[in-house]
Amino acid sequence: GKLQKIVSEYGFPVVIKGKFYDAGITHNMEQAISQYHKISAKWGLPIIIQEFINGTEFNVTGLGDGKGNTISAVPMRKQYITDKGKAWGGISISDQKMLDLTEQFISSTKWKGGFELELMKNKDGEFYILEINPRIPAWVYLAVGVGQNIPEALVRLAMGMDTPPYKDYEVGKMFIRYSWDMIVDLEEFQQISTFGEL
């Protein structure tokens, strides 16, 4: 009932999201119902239903002081993403619209602490907020690398120390996440898994 009503307002495709994690793009009612049940079974209710926005993904990580002031804001464009939409590589960019949107978010909510805004920019150049994550993202080291040390500023705020806002950052710096395979003997792996040490 409610799912069909909400989906009919948007039309397909729609995105079905869990309250904590997981999302799927659906193209018909059968897929929407299936995704709804799959995510609600794993994460519980409520379920978030969003209009699908076609465009380019951007993110902003930042820090608010709880009084409506922006201490830090670093926008980036996702260059490489995982199958779950997570950034595997990104580049710091200069975009005043993104910074204005971030400042508006911080000032209107009086946000206190770190955050990540997930945005989609459509073909007309309009930004849509997809998610507001109330935490510092895994890619925060890009912000540090471009001159805005958000973790340090957060600690300074928490300790009641003077924390002046960052005024600028380097544009055109990239981060790339990487991993490597470790080759180990099965016996060693079992030992670590069972006892936590060799």
Protein backbone atom coordinates (compact mmCIF):
# COMPACT_ATOMS: atom_id res chain seq x y z
CA GLY A 1 0.00 0.00 0.00
CA LYS A 2 2.30 2.79 1.24
CA LEU A 3 5.25 1.61 -0.84
CA GLN A 4 3.20 1.63 -4.04
CA LYS A 5 1.83 5.11 -3.23
CA ILE A 6 5.26 6.61 -2.57
CA VAL A 7 6.84 4.96 -5.61
CA SER A 8 4.01 6.17 -7.85
CA GLU A 9 4.77 9.76 -6.78
CA TYR A 10 8.36 9.47 -8.02
CA GLY A 11 8.06 7.03 -10.90
CA PHE A 12 10.83 4.56 -11.65
CA PRO A 13 13.69 4.16 -11.09
CA VAL A 14 13.66 4.72 -7.30
CA VAL A 15 16.30 4.02 -4.68
CA ILE A 16 15.34 1.89 -1.67
CA LYS A 17 17.67 2.48 1.33
CA GLY A 18 18.13 1.00 4.77
CA LYS A 19 18.19 3.26 7.80
CA PHE A 20 21.81 2.38 8.55
CA TYR A 21 23.26 0.94 5.35
CA ASP A 22 22.50 -0.71 2.03
CA ALA A 23 20.63 0.59 -0.98
CA GLY A 24 19.37 -0.62 -4.32
CA ILE A 25 18.11 1.01 -7.50
CA THR A 26 14.80 -0.50 -8.59
CA HIS A 27 13.15 -0.22 -12.00
CA ASN A 28 9.71 -1.74 -11.37
CA MET A 29 7.33 -2.53 -8.52
CA GLU A 30 8.45 -6.15 -8.22
CA GLN A 31 12.06 -5.05 -7.69
CA ALA A 32 10.98 -2.31 -5.25
CA ILE A 33 8.99 -4.75 -3.10
CA SER A 34 11.82 -7.29 -3.15
CA GLN A 35 14.44 -4.68 -2.21
CA TYR A 36 12.16 -3.31 0.53
CA HIS A 37 11.81 -6.75 2.14
CA LYS A 38 15.50 -7.60 1.71
CA ILE A 39 16.71 -4.38 3.35
CA SER A 40 14.06 -4.29 6.11
CA ALA A 41 14.89 -7.90 7.05
CA LYS A 42 18.56 -6.98 7.40
CA TRP A 43 18.38 -3.46 8.88
CA GLY A 44 14.83 -3.06 10.18
CA LEU A 45 12.46 -0.16 9.66
CA PRO A 46 12.13 2.59 8.62
CA ILE A 47 13.04 2.26 4.96
CA ILE A 48 14.02 5.32 2.93
CA ILE A 49 12.65 5.70 -0.59
CA GLN A 50 14.31 8.30 -2.80
CA GLU A 51 13.85 9.52 -6.30
CA PHE A 52 16.74 8.30 -8.46
CA ILE A 53 18.89 11.25 -9.56
CA ASN A 54 21.11 10.63 -12.56
CA GLY A 55 24.34 12.59 -12.43
CA THR A 56 27.83 12.84 -10.98
CA GLU A 57 28.56 11.99 -7.35
CA PHE A 58 30.27 14.47 -5.07
CA ASN A 59 30.99 14.49 -1.34
CA VAL A 60 31.88 17.09 1.25
CA THR A 61 33.51 16.33 4.57
CA GLY A 62 33.45 19.03 7.16
CA LEU A 63 33.17 20.15 10.74
CA GLY A 64 30.63 22.38 12.46
CA ASP A 65 31.16 24.06 15.84
CA GLY A 66 27.59 23.62 17.11
CA LYS A 67 26.89 27.36 16.88
CA GLY A 68 26.27 27.45 13.14
CA ASN A 69 29.86 28.16 12.10
CA THR A 70 31.84 26.15 9.57
CA ILE A 71 35.24 25.11 10.88
CA SER A 72 36.09 22.97 7.86
CA ALA A 73 34.63 21.98 4.49
CA VAL A 74 36.42 20.04 1.74
CA PRO A 75 34.50 18.99 -1.39
CA MET A 76 35.61 16.16 -3.64
CA ARG A 77 34.46 14.37 -6.75
CA LYS A 78 34.39 10.60 -6.63
CA GLN A 79 36.75 9.25 -9.27
CA TYR A 80 36.43 5.54 -8.53
CA ILE A 81 33.62 3.87 -6.61
CA THR A 82 32.97 0.38 -5.26
CA ASP A 83 29.91 -1.69 -6.11
CA LYS A 84 28.34 -0.21 -2.93
CA GLY A 85 28.98 3.34 -4.13
CA LYS A 86 31.83 3.99 -1.69
CA ALA A 87 34.69 6.21 -2.78
CA TRP A 88 37.81 4.26 -3.75
CA GLY A 89 39.42 7.34 -5.22
CA GLY A 90 38.57 11.03 -5.32
CA ILE A 91 39.92 14.48 -6.07
CA SER A 92 39.57 17.74 -4.16
CA ILE A 93 37.70 20.33 -6.19
CA SER A 94 36.77 24.00 -6.09
CA ASP A 95 32.99 24.44 -6.20
CA GLN A 96 31.41 27.45 -4.51
CA LYS A 97 27.89 26.01 -4.81
CA MET A 98 28.96 22.97 -2.79
CA LEU A 99 30.64 25.14 -0.16
CA ASP A 100 27.56 27.40 0.06
CA LEU A 101 25.30 24.36 0.45
CA THR A 102 27.58 23.03 3.19
CA GLU A 103 27.60 26.35 5.05
CA GLN A 104 23.81 26.54 4.78
CA PHE A 105 23.54 23.00 6.21
CA ILE A 106 25.86 23.80 9.13
CA SER A 107 24.28 27.17 9.96
CA SER A 108 20.66 25.98 9.76
CA THR A 109 21.23 22.82 11.83
CA LYS A 110 23.89 24.29 14.14
CA TRP A 111 25.77 21.09 13.38
CA LYS A 112 28.32 20.06 16.00
CA GLY A 113 31.02 17.63 14.93
CA GLY A 114 32.19 15.96 11.77
CA PHE A 115 30.00 14.91 8.87
CA GLU A 116 29.89 13.82 5.26
CA LEU A 117 27.40 15.16 2.73
CA GLU A 118 26.75 12.86 -0.22
CA LEU A 119 25.55 14.87 -3.21
CA MET A 120 24.45 14.23 -6.77
CA LYS A 121 24.85 16.91 -9.44
CA ASN A 122 22.39 16.54 -12.31
CA LYS A 123 22.95 17.59 -15.93
CA ASP A 124 21.52 21.07 -15.16
CA GLY A 125 24.16 21.65 -12.48
CA GLU A 126 21.74 21.33 -9.56
CA PHE A 127 22.86 19.54 -6.41
CA TYR A 128 20.70 17.05 -4.54
CA ILE A 129 21.57 15.85 -1.04
CA LEU A 130 21.47 12.05 -1.05
CA GLU A 131 22.71 11.47 2.50
CA ILE A 132 24.02 13.28 5.54
CA ASN A 133 26.36 10.96 7.43
CA PRO A 134 26.94 12.12 11.04
CA ARG A 135 30.55 10.95 11.13
CA ILE A 136 33.94 11.65 9.66
CA PRO A 137 34.30 9.59 6.45
CA ALA A 138 37.06 7.08 5.69
CA TRP A 139 38.45 9.48 3.07
CA VAL A 140 39.10 12.23 5.66
CA TYR A 141 42.83 11.94 4.94
CA LEU A 142 42.19 13.80 1.69
CA ALA A 143 41.01 16.77 3.78
CA VAL A 144 44.13 16.52 5.93
CA GLY A 145 46.28 16.25 2.79
CA VAL A 146 44.80 19.43 1.29
CA GLY A 147 45.34 21.47 4.45
CA GLN A 148 42.27 20.97 6.67
CA ASN A 149 43.04 18.63 9.56
CA ILE A 150 39.47 17.81 10.59
CA PRO A 151 40.36 15.18 13.25
CA GLU A 152 42.73 17.62 14.98
CA ALA A 153 40.17 20.44 14.82
CA LEU A 154 37.49 18.13 16.25
CA VAL A 155 39.75 17.25 19.21
CA ARG A 156 40.47 20.96 19.77
CA LEU A 157 36.72 21.70 19.80
CA ALA A 158 36.07 18.82 22.21
CA MET A 159 38.76 20.16 24.55
CA GLY A 160 37.27 23.67 24.48
CA MET A 161 40.32 25.10 22.75
CA ASP A 162 40.22 27.99 20.30
CA THR A 163 39.61 26.44 16.87
CA PRO A 164 39.73 29.00 14.07
CA PRO A 165 37.99 28.03 10.83
CA TYR A 166 40.06 26.85 7.90
CA LYS A 167 39.91 29.37 5.07
CA ASP A 168 41.23 27.41 2.10
CA TYR A 169 42.48 24.07 0.84
CA GLU A 170 44.48 22.70 -2.09
CA VAL A 171 42.48 21.84 -5.20
CA GLY A 172 43.43 18.96 -7.49
CA LYS A 173 44.84 16.53 -4.93
CA MET A 174 43.72 12.90 -5.16
CA PHE A 175 43.38 10.01 -2.82
CA ILE A 176 43.39 6.42 -4.02
CA ARG A 177 42.57 3.58 -1.65
CA TYR A 178 44.58 0.41 -2.16
CA SER A 179 44.84 -3.07 -0.72
CA TRP A 180 47.21 -5.96 -1.02
CA ASP A 181 46.98 -9.71 -0.62
CA MET A 182 48.80 -11.40 2.25
CA ILE A 183 50.00 -14.96 1.79
CA VAL A 184 50.15 -16.93 5.06
CA ASP A 185 50.23 -20.54 6.15
CA LEU A 186 46.85 -21.95 7.12
CA GLU A 187 48.20 -23.05 10.52
CA GLU A 188 49.29 -19.48 11.32
CA PHE A 189 45.90 -18.12 10.26
CA GLN A 190 44.10 -20.66 12.44
CA GLN A 191 46.37 -19.80 15.38
CA ILE A 192 45.67 -16.06 15.06
CA SER A 193 41.94 -16.63 14.49
CA THR A 194 41.62 -18.91 17.50
CA PHE A 195 43.99 -17.37 20.03
CA GLY A 196 44.62 -13.86 18.71
CA GLU A 197 48.37 -14.41 18.59
CA LEU A 198 51.07 -16.67 17.17
